Amino acid sequence: MGFVEPTPIQLRAFPIVLAGKDLIGTAQTGTGKTAAFALP
């Protein structure tokens, strides 16, 4: 997909999502929110 480094929202979301916990994240458009929640 061409990702080199995770964005700040992804860095914070990955551990929570991978732990099986629910998460609501807010950030500006284009910050990688969809990838943070869909890829793990």
Protein backbone atom coordinates (compact mmCIF):
# COMPACT_ATOMS: atom_id res chain seq x y z
CA MET A 1 0.00 0.00 0.00
CA GLY A 2 3.03 2.27 0.07
CA PHE A 3 3.05 3.05 3.79
CA VAL A 4 6.51 3.73 5.19
CA GLU A 5 5.78 4.93 8.73
CA PRO A 6 2.57 5.01 10.77
CA THR A 7 0.92 8.36 11.42
CA PRO A 8 0.41 9.57 15.02
CA ILE A 9 -3.22 8.35 15.11
CA GLN A 10 -2.10 4.96 13.82
CA LEU A 11 0.65 4.68 16.44
CA ARG A 12 -1.88 5.31 19.19
CA ALA A 13 -4.68 3.18 17.71
CA PHE A 14 -2.83 -0.01 16.72
CA PRO A 15 -2.09 -1.27 20.26
CA ILE A 16 -5.65 -0.62 21.41
CA VAL A 17 -7.29 -2.26 18.40
CA LEU A 18 -4.90 -5.22 18.46
CA ALA A 19 -5.77 -5.73 22.14
CA GLY A 20 -9.38 -6.24 21.05
CA LYS A 21 -10.66 -3.07 22.68
CA ASP A 22 -13.19 -0.63 21.24
CA LEU A 23 -11.86 2.71 20.08
CA ILE A 24 -13.23 6.01 18.87
CA GLY A 25 -10.59 8.14 17.20
CA THR A 26 -10.84 11.67 15.87
CA ALA A 27 -8.33 13.40 13.65
CA GLN A 28 -8.25 15.62 10.60
CA THR A 29 -8.92 14.25 7.12
CA GLY A 30 -5.90 12.53 5.59
CA THR A 31 -4.25 11.44 8.84
CA GLY A 32 -4.66 7.69 8.29
CA LYS A 33 -7.68 6.94 10.46
CA THR A 34 -9.21 4.41 8.07
CA ALA A 35 -5.94 2.52 7.72
CA ALA A 36 -5.44 2.60 11.49
CA PHE A 37 -8.70 0.76 12.05
CA ALA A 38 -8.99 -1.37 8.90
CA LEU A 39 -5.49 -2.82 8.54
CA PRO A 40 -4.94 -4.51 11.93
